[in-house]
């Protein structure tokens, strides 16, 4: 799940991977 916004003038994307903890890197890698 992703949400997008602004913090202190910087564009920020917040991510909660739903792959379960052990596979979190798969989700993070796709975003990057």
ModelCIF file with pLDDT and N, C-alpha, C, O atoms, coordinates in Angstrom:
data_MODEL
#
_entry.id   MODEL 
#
_entity.id                         1 
_entity.type                       polymer 
_entity.pdbx_number_of_molecules   1 
#
_entity_poly.entity_id                      1 
_entity_poly.type                           'polypeptide(L)' 
_entity_poly.nstd_linkage                   no 
_entity_poly.nstd_monomer                   no 
_entity_poly.pdbx_seq_one_letter_code       
;(UNK)(UNK)(UNK)(UNK)(UNK)(UNK)(UNK)(UNK)(UNK)(UNK)(UNK)(UNK)(UNK)(UNK)(UNK)(UNK)
(UNK)(UNK)(UNK)(UNK)(UNK)(UNK)(UNK)(UNK)(UNK)(UNK)(UNK)(UNK)(UNK)(UNK)(UNK)(UNK)
;
_entity_poly.pdbx_seq_one_letter_code_can   XXXXXXXXXXXXXXXXXXXXXXXXXXXXXXXX 
_entity_poly.pdbx_strand_id                 A 
#
loop_
_entity_poly_seq.entity_id 
_entity_poly_seq.num 
_entity_poly_seq.mon_id 
_entity_poly_seq.hetero 
1 1  UNK n 
1 2  UNK n 
1 3  UNK n 
1 4  UNK n 
1 5  UNK n 
1 6  UNK n 
1 7  UNK n 
1 8  UNK n 
1 9  UNK n 
1 10 UNK n 
1 11 UNK n 
1 12 UNK n 
1 13 UNK n 
1 14 UNK n 
1 15 UNK n 
1 16 UNK n 
1 17 UNK n 
1 18 UNK n 
1 19 UNK n 
1 20 UNK n 
1 21 UNK n 
1 22 UNK n 
1 23 UNK n 
1 24 UNK n 
1 25 UNK n 
1 26 UNK n 
1 27 UNK n 
1 28 UNK n 
1 29 UNK n 
1 30 UNK n 
1 31 UNK n 
1 32 UNK n 
#
_struct_asym.id          A 
_struct_asym.entity_id   1 
#
loop_
_ma_qa_metric.id 
_ma_qa_metric.mode 
_ma_qa_metric.name 
_ma_qa_metric.software_group_id 
_ma_qa_metric.type 
1 global pLDDT . pLDDT 
2 local  pLDDT . pLDDT 
#
_ma_qa_metric_global.metric_id      1 
_ma_qa_metric_global.metric_value   97.06 
_ma_qa_metric_global.model_id       1 
_ma_qa_metric_global.ordinal_id     1 
#
loop_
_ma_qa_metric_local.label_asym_id 
_ma_qa_metric_local.label_comp_id 
_ma_qa_metric_local.label_seq_id 
_ma_qa_metric_local.metric_id 
_ma_qa_metric_local.metric_value 
_ma_qa_metric_local.model_id 
_ma_qa_metric_local.ordinal_id 
A UNK 1  2 98.00 1 1  
A UNK 2  2 98.00 1 2  
A UNK 3  2 98.00 1 3  
A UNK 4  2 98.00 1 4  
A UNK 5  2 98.00 1 5  
A UNK 6  2 97.00 1 6  
A UNK 7  2 97.00 1 7  
A UNK 8  2 93.00 1 8  
A UNK 9  2 95.00 1 9  
A UNK 10 2 97.00 1 10 
A UNK 11 2 98.00 1 11 
A UNK 12 2 98.00 1 12 
A UNK 13 2 98.00 1 13 
A UNK 14 2 98.00 1 14 
A UNK 15 2 98.00 1 15 
A UNK 16 2 98.00 1 16 
A UNK 17 2 98.00 1 17 
A UNK 18 2 97.00 1 18 
A UNK 19 2 96.00 1 19 
A UNK 20 2 94.00 1 20 
A UNK 21 2 96.00 1 21 
A UNK 22 2 95.00 1 22 
A UNK 23 2 97.00 1 23 
A UNK 24 2 97.00 1 24 
A UNK 25 2 97.00 1 25 
A UNK 26 2 97.00 1 26 
A UNK 27 2 98.00 1 27 
A UNK 28 2 98.00 1 28 
A UNK 29 2 97.00 1 29 
A UNK 30 2 97.00 1 30 
A UNK 31 2 98.00 1 31 
A UNK 32 2 97.00 1 32 
#
loop_
_atom_site.group_PDB 
_atom_site.id 
_atom_site.type_symbol 
_atom_site.label_atom_id 
_atom_site.label_alt_id 
_atom_site.label_comp_id 
_atom_site.label_asym_id 
_atom_site.label_entity_id 
_atom_site.label_seq_id 
_atom_site.pdbx_PDB_ins_code 
_atom_site.Cartn_x 
_atom_site.Cartn_y 
_atom_site.Cartn_z 
_atom_site.occupancy 
_atom_site.B_iso_or_equiv 
_atom_site.pdbx_formal_charge 
_atom_site.auth_seq_id 
_atom_site.auth_comp_id 
_atom_site.auth_asym_id 
_atom_site.auth_atom_id 
_atom_site.pdbx_PDB_model_num 
ATOM 1   N N  . UNK A 1 1  ? 0.852  -1.178  0.000  1.00 98.00 ? 1  UNK A N  1 
ATOM 2   C CA . UNK A 1 1  ? 0.000  0.000   0.000  1.00 98.00 ? 1  UNK A CA 1 
ATOM 3   C C  . UNK A 1 1  ? 0.891  1.233   0.000  1.00 98.00 ? 1  UNK A C  1 
ATOM 4   O O  . UNK A 1 1  ? 1.859  1.309   0.756  1.00 98.00 ? 1  UNK A O  1 
ATOM 5   N N  . UNK A 1 2  ? 0.560  2.194   -0.849 1.00 98.00 ? 2  UNK A N  1 
ATOM 6   C CA . UNK A 1 2  ? 1.369  3.408   -0.945 1.00 98.00 ? 2  UNK A CA 1 
ATOM 7   C C  . UNK A 1 2  ? 0.479  4.642   -0.794 1.00 98.00 ? 2  UNK A C  1 
ATOM 8   O O  . UNK A 1 2  ? -0.687 4.634   -1.188 1.00 98.00 ? 2  UNK A O  1 
ATOM 9   N N  . UNK A 1 3  ? 1.045  5.689   -0.223 1.00 98.00 ? 3  UNK A N  1 
ATOM 10  C CA . UNK A 1 3  ? 0.373  6.982   -0.101 1.00 98.00 ? 3  UNK A CA 1 
ATOM 11  C C  . UNK A 1 3  ? 1.410  8.055   -0.389 1.00 98.00 ? 3  UNK A C  1 
ATOM 12  O O  . UNK A 1 3  ? 2.576  7.920   -0.019 1.00 98.00 ? 3  UNK A O  1 
ATOM 13  N N  . UNK A 1 4  ? 0.980  9.114   -1.048 1.00 98.00 ? 4  UNK A N  1 
ATOM 14  C CA . UNK A 1 4  ? 1.920  10.151  -1.478 1.00 98.00 ? 4  UNK A CA 1 
ATOM 15  C C  . UNK A 1 4  ? 1.554  11.507  -0.885 1.00 98.00 ? 4  UNK A C  1 
ATOM 16  O O  . UNK A 1 4  ? 0.377  11.845  -0.760 1.00 98.00 ? 4  UNK A O  1 
ATOM 17  N N  . UNK A 1 5  ? 2.579  12.281  -0.522 1.00 98.00 ? 5  UNK A N  1 
ATOM 18  C CA . UNK A 1 5  ? 2.328  13.600  0.050  1.00 98.00 ? 5  UNK A CA 1 
ATOM 19  C C  . UNK A 1 5  ? 3.589  14.431  0.128  1.00 98.00 ? 5  UNK A C  1 
ATOM 20  O O  . UNK A 1 5  ? 4.581  14.158  -0.548 1.00 98.00 ? 5  UNK A O  1 
ATOM 21  N N  . UNK A 1 6  ? 3.529  15.463  0.976  1.00 97.00 ? 6  UNK A N  1 
ATOM 22  C CA . UNK A 1 6  ? 4.637  16.408  1.111  1.00 97.00 ? 6  UNK A CA 1 
ATOM 23  C C  . UNK A 1 6  ? 4.990  16.566  2.588  1.00 97.00 ? 6  UNK A C  1 
ATOM 24  O O  . UNK A 1 6  ? 4.108  16.719  3.433  1.00 97.00 ? 6  UNK A O  1 
ATOM 25  N N  . UNK A 1 7  ? 6.287  16.526  2.889  1.00 97.00 ? 7  UNK A N  1 
ATOM 26  C CA . UNK A 1 7  ? 6.769  16.755  4.249  1.00 97.00 ? 7  UNK A CA 1 
ATOM 27  C C  . UNK A 1 7  ? 7.872  17.798  4.192  1.00 97.00 ? 7  UNK A C  1 
ATOM 28  O O  . UNK A 1 7  ? 8.934  17.555  3.618  1.00 97.00 ? 7  UNK A O  1 
ATOM 29  N N  . UNK A 1 8  ? 7.626  18.946  4.780  1.00 93.00 ? 8  UNK A N  1 
ATOM 30  C CA . UNK A 1 8  ? 8.632  20.005  4.820  1.00 93.00 ? 8  UNK A CA 1 
ATOM 31  C C  . UNK A 1 8  ? 9.113  20.456  3.466  1.00 93.00 ? 8  UNK A C  1 
ATOM 32  O O  . UNK A 1 8  ? 10.271 20.845  3.318  1.00 93.00 ? 8  UNK A O  1 
ATOM 33  N N  . UNK A 1 9  ? 8.230  20.412  2.454  1.00 95.00 ? 9  UNK A N  1 
ATOM 34  C CA . UNK A 1 9  ? 8.611  20.837  1.112  1.00 95.00 ? 9  UNK A CA 1 
ATOM 35  C C  . UNK A 1 9  ? 9.211  19.754  0.248  1.00 95.00 ? 9  UNK A C  1 
ATOM 36  O O  . UNK A 1 9  ? 9.546  20.004  -0.910 1.00 95.00 ? 9  UNK A O  1 
ATOM 37  N N  . UNK A 1 10 ? 9.356  18.540  0.791  1.00 97.00 ? 10 UNK A N  1 
ATOM 38  C CA . UNK A 1 10 ? 9.903  17.415  0.022  1.00 97.00 ? 10 UNK A CA 1 
ATOM 39  C C  . UNK A 1 10 ? 8.798  16.420  -0.332 1.00 97.00 ? 10 UNK A C  1 
ATOM 40  O O  . UNK A 1 10 ? 7.941  16.118  0.499  1.00 97.00 ? 10 UNK A O  1 
ATOM 41  N N  . UNK A 1 11 ? 8.819  15.922  -1.540 1.00 98.00 ? 11 UNK A N  1 
ATOM 42  C CA . UNK A 1 11 ? 7.856  14.926  -1.971 1.00 98.00 ? 11 UNK A CA 1 
ATOM 43  C C  . UNK A 1 11 ? 8.219  13.582  -1.336 1.00 98.00 ? 11 UNK A C  1 
ATOM 44  O O  . UNK A 1 11 ? 9.365  13.138  -1.415 1.00 98.00 ? 11 UNK A O  1 
ATOM 45  N N  . UNK A 1 12 ? 7.234  12.945  -0.710 1.00 98.00 ? 12 UNK A N  1 
ATOM 46  C CA . UNK A 1 12 ? 7.494  11.710  0.032  1.00 98.00 ? 12 UNK A CA 1 
ATOM 47  C C  . UNK A 1 12 ? 6.454  10.656  -0.333 1.00 98.00 ? 12 UNK A C  1 
ATOM 48  O O  . UNK A 1 12 ? 5.259  10.941  -0.420 1.00 98.00 ? 12 UNK A O  1 
ATOM 49  N N  . UNK A 1 13 ? 6.934  9.442   -0.542 1.00 98.00 ? 13 UNK A N  1 
ATOM 50  C CA . UNK A 1 13 ? 6.066  8.284   -0.765 1.00 98.00 ? 13 UNK A CA 1 
ATOM 51  C C  . UNK A 1 13 ? 6.205  7.375   0.452  1.00 98.00 ? 13 UNK A C  1 
ATOM 52  O O  . UNK A 1 13 ? 7.317  7.021   0.845  1.00 98.00 ? 13 UNK A O  1 
ATOM 53  N N  . UNK A 1 14 ? 5.071  6.997   1.048  1.00 98.00 ? 14 UNK A N  1 
ATOM 54  C CA . UNK A 1 14 ? 5.082  6.080   2.192  1.00 98.00 ? 14 UNK A CA 1 
ATOM 55  C C  . UNK A 1 14 ? 4.582  4.720   1.714  1.00 98.00 ? 14 UNK A C  1 
ATOM 56  O O  . UNK A 1 14 ? 3.561  4.626   1.033  1.00 98.00 ? 14 UNK A O  1 
ATOM 57  N N  . UNK A 1 15 ? 5.309  3.675   2.078  1.00 98.00 ? 15 UNK A N  1 
ATOM 58  C CA . UNK A 1 15 ? 4.995  2.319   1.626  1.00 98.00 ? 15 UNK A CA 1 
ATOM 59  C C  . UNK A 1 15 ? 4.830  1.376   2.815  1.00 98.00 ? 15 UNK A C  1 
ATOM 60  O O  . UNK A 1 15 ? 5.624  1.397   3.756  1.00 98.00 ? 15 UNK A O  1 
ATOM 61  N N  . UNK A 1 16 ? 3.779  0.543   2.755  1.00 98.00 ? 16 UNK A N  1 
ATOM 62  C CA . UNK A 1 16 ? 3.606  -0.575  3.683  1.00 98.00 ? 16 UNK A CA 1 
ATOM 63  C C  . UNK A 1 16 ? 3.590  -1.863  2.844  1.00 98.00 ? 16 UNK A C  1 
ATOM 64  O O  . UNK A 1 16 ? 2.555  -2.196  2.267  1.00 98.00 ? 16 UNK A O  1 
ATOM 65  N N  . UNK A 1 17 ? 4.709  -2.591  2.765  1.00 98.00 ? 17 UNK A N  1 
ATOM 66  C CA . UNK A 1 17 ? 4.739  -3.825  1.974  1.00 98.00 ? 17 UNK A CA 1 
ATOM 67  C C  . UNK A 1 17 ? 3.725  -4.843  2.506  1.00 98.00 ? 17 UNK A C  1 
ATOM 68  O O  . UNK A 1 17 ? 3.569  -4.999  3.717  1.00 98.00 ? 17 UNK A O  1 
ATOM 69  N N  . UNK A 1 18 ? 3.047  -5.523  1.600  1.00 97.00 ? 18 UNK A N  1 
ATOM 70  C CA . UNK A 1 18 ? 2.074  -6.547  2.004  1.00 97.00 ? 18 UNK A CA 1 
ATOM 71  C C  . UNK A 1 18 ? 2.524  -7.942  1.563  1.00 97.00 ? 18 UNK A C  1 
ATOM 72  O O  . UNK A 1 18 ? 1.702  -8.825  1.318  1.00 97.00 ? 18 UNK A O  1 
ATOM 73  N N  . UNK A 1 19 ? 3.826  -8.118  1.467  1.00 96.00 ? 19 UNK A N  1 
ATOM 74  C CA . UNK A 1 19 ? 4.406  -9.397  1.058  1.00 96.00 ? 19 UNK A CA 1 
ATOM 75  C C  . UNK A 1 19 ? 4.666  -10.299 2.262  1.00 96.00 ? 19 UNK A C  1 
ATOM 76  O O  . UNK A 1 19 ? 5.184  -11.405 2.111  1.00 96.00 ? 19 UNK A O  1 
ATOM 77  N N  . UNK A 1 20 ? 4.308  -9.828  3.458  1.00 94.00 ? 20 UNK A N  1 
ATOM 78  C CA . UNK A 1 20 ? 4.742  -10.380 4.741  1.00 94.00 ? 20 UNK A CA 1 
ATOM 79  C C  . UNK A 1 20 ? 6.199  -9.988  4.957  1.00 94.00 ? 20 UNK A C  1 
ATOM 80  O O  . UNK A 1 20 ? 6.955  -9.760  4.012  1.00 94.00 ? 20 UNK A O  1 
ATOM 81  N N  . UNK A 1 21 ? 6.562  -9.917  6.223  1.00 96.00 ? 21 UNK A N  1 
ATOM 82  C CA . UNK A 1 21 ? 7.832  -9.327  6.630  1.00 96.00 ? 21 UNK A CA 1 
ATOM 83  C C  . UNK A 1 21 ? 9.039  -9.899  5.892  1.00 96.00 ? 21 UNK A C  1 
ATOM 84  O O  . UNK A 1 21 ? 9.909  -9.152  5.443  1.00 96.00 ? 21 UNK A O  1 
ATOM 85  N N  . UNK A 1 22 ? 9.089  -11.221 5.767  1.00 95.00 ? 22 UNK A N  1 
ATOM 86  C CA . UNK A 1 22 ? 10.287 -11.871 5.216  1.00 95.00 ? 22 UNK A CA 1 
ATOM 87  C C  . UNK A 1 22 ? 10.568 -11.535 3.757  1.00 95.00 ? 22 UNK A C  1 
ATOM 88  O O  . UNK A 1 22 ? 11.674 -11.769 3.272  1.00 95.00 ? 22 UNK A O  1 
ATOM 89  N N  . UNK A 1 23 ? 9.570  -10.984 3.047  1.00 97.00 ? 23 UNK A N  1 
ATOM 90  C CA . UNK A 1 23 ? 9.739  -10.665 1.625  1.00 97.00 ? 23 UNK A CA 1 
ATOM 91  C C  . UNK A 1 23 ? 9.579  -9.172  1.360  1.00 97.00 ? 23 UNK A C  1 
ATOM 92  O O  . UNK A 1 23 ? 9.281  -8.774  0.233  1.00 97.00 ? 23 UNK A O  1 
ATOM 93  N N  . UNK A 1 24 ? 9.771  -8.350  2.375  1.00 97.00 ? 24 UNK A N  1 
ATOM 94  C CA . UNK A 1 24 ? 9.561  -6.904  2.244  1.00 97.00 ? 24 UNK A CA 1 
ATOM 95  C C  . UNK A 1 24 ? 10.384 -6.289  1.122  1.00 97.00 ? 24 UNK A C  1 
ATOM 96  O O  . UNK A 1 24 ? 9.933  -5.344  0.474  1.00 97.00 ? 24 UNK A O  1 
ATOM 97  N N  . UNK A 1 25 ? 11.576 -6.806  0.884  1.00 97.00 ? 25 UNK A N  1 
ATOM 98  C CA . UNK A 1 25 ? 12.468 -6.246  -0.131 1.00 97.00 ? 25 UNK A CA 1 
ATOM 99  C C  . UNK A 1 25 ? 11.906 -6.301  -1.536 1.00 97.00 ? 25 UNK A C  1 
ATOM 100 O O  . UNK A 1 25 ? 12.264 -5.471  -2.372 1.00 97.00 ? 25 UNK A O  1 
ATOM 101 N N  . UNK A 1 26 ? 11.032 -7.261  -1.819 1.00 97.00 ? 26 UNK A N  1 
ATOM 102 C CA . UNK A 1 26 ? 10.434 -7.356  -3.154 1.00 97.00 ? 26 UNK A CA 1 
ATOM 103 C C  . UNK A 1 26 ? 9.597  -6.121  -3.450 1.00 97.00 ? 26 UNK A C  1 
ATOM 104 O O  . UNK A 1 26 ? 9.689  -5.538  -4.530 1.00 97.00 ? 26 UNK A O  1 
ATOM 105 N N  . UNK A 1 27 ? 8.780  -5.731  -2.476 1.00 98.00 ? 27 UNK A N  1 
ATOM 106 C CA . UNK A 1 27 ? 7.919  -4.560  -2.634 1.00 98.00 ? 27 UNK A CA 1 
ATOM 107 C C  . UNK A 1 27 ? 8.747  -3.281  -2.709 1.00 98.00 ? 27 UNK A C  1 
ATOM 108 O O  . UNK A 1 27 ? 8.514  -2.440  -3.577 1.00 98.00 ? 27 UNK A O  1 
ATOM 109 N N  . UNK A 1 28 ? 9.710  -3.131  -1.805 1.00 98.00 ? 28 UNK A N  1 
ATOM 110 C CA . UNK A 1 28 ? 10.564 -1.939  -1.783 1.00 98.00 ? 28 UNK A CA 1 
ATOM 111 C C  . UNK A 1 28 ? 11.328 -1.809  -3.099 1.00 98.00 ? 28 UNK A C  1 
ATOM 112 O O  . UNK A 1 28 ? 11.448 -0.715  -3.650 1.00 98.00 ? 28 UNK A O  1 
ATOM 113 N N  . UNK A 1 29 ? 11.842 -2.929  -3.597 1.00 97.00 ? 29 UNK A N  1 
ATOM 114 C CA . UNK A 1 29 ? 12.601 -2.914  -4.846 1.00 97.00 ? 29 UNK A CA 1 
ATOM 115 C C  . UNK A 1 29 ? 11.764 -2.435  -6.025 1.00 97.00 ? 29 UNK A C  1 
ATOM 116 O O  . UNK A 1 29 ? 12.268 -1.698  -6.873 1.00 97.00 ? 29 UNK A O  1 
ATOM 117 N N  . UNK A 1 30 ? 10.510 -2.833  -6.094 1.00 97.00 ? 30 UNK A N  1 
ATOM 118 C CA . UNK A 1 30 ? 9.633  -2.399  -7.185 1.00 97.00 ? 30 UNK A CA 1 
ATOM 119 C C  . UNK A 1 30 ? 9.448  -0.882  -7.173 1.00 97.00 ? 30 UNK A C  1 
ATOM 120 O O  . UNK A 1 30 ? 9.474  -0.240  -8.223 1.00 97.00 ? 30 UNK A O  1 
ATOM 121 N N  . UNK A 1 31 ? 9.260  -0.317  -5.985 1.00 98.00 ? 31 UNK A N  1 
ATOM 122 C CA . UNK A 1 31 ? 9.083  1.133   -5.870 1.00 98.00 ? 31 UNK A CA 1 
ATOM 123 C C  . UNK A 1 31 ? 10.345 1.862   -6.312 1.00 98.00 ? 31 UNK A C  1 
ATOM 124 O O  . UNK A 1 31 ? 10.268 2.837   -7.059 1.00 98.00 ? 31 UNK A O  1 
ATOM 125 N N  . UNK A 1 32 ? 11.492 1.402   -5.862 1.00 97.00 ? 32 UNK A N  1 
ATOM 126 C CA . UNK A 1 32 ? 12.754 2.071   -6.205 1.00 97.00 ? 32 UNK A CA 1 
ATOM 127 C C  . UNK A 1 32 ? 12.996 2.061   -7.711 1.00 97.00 ? 32 UNK A C  1 
ATOM 128 O O  . UNK A 1 32 ? 14.010 2.580   -8.177 1.00 97.00 ? 32 UNK A O  1 
#
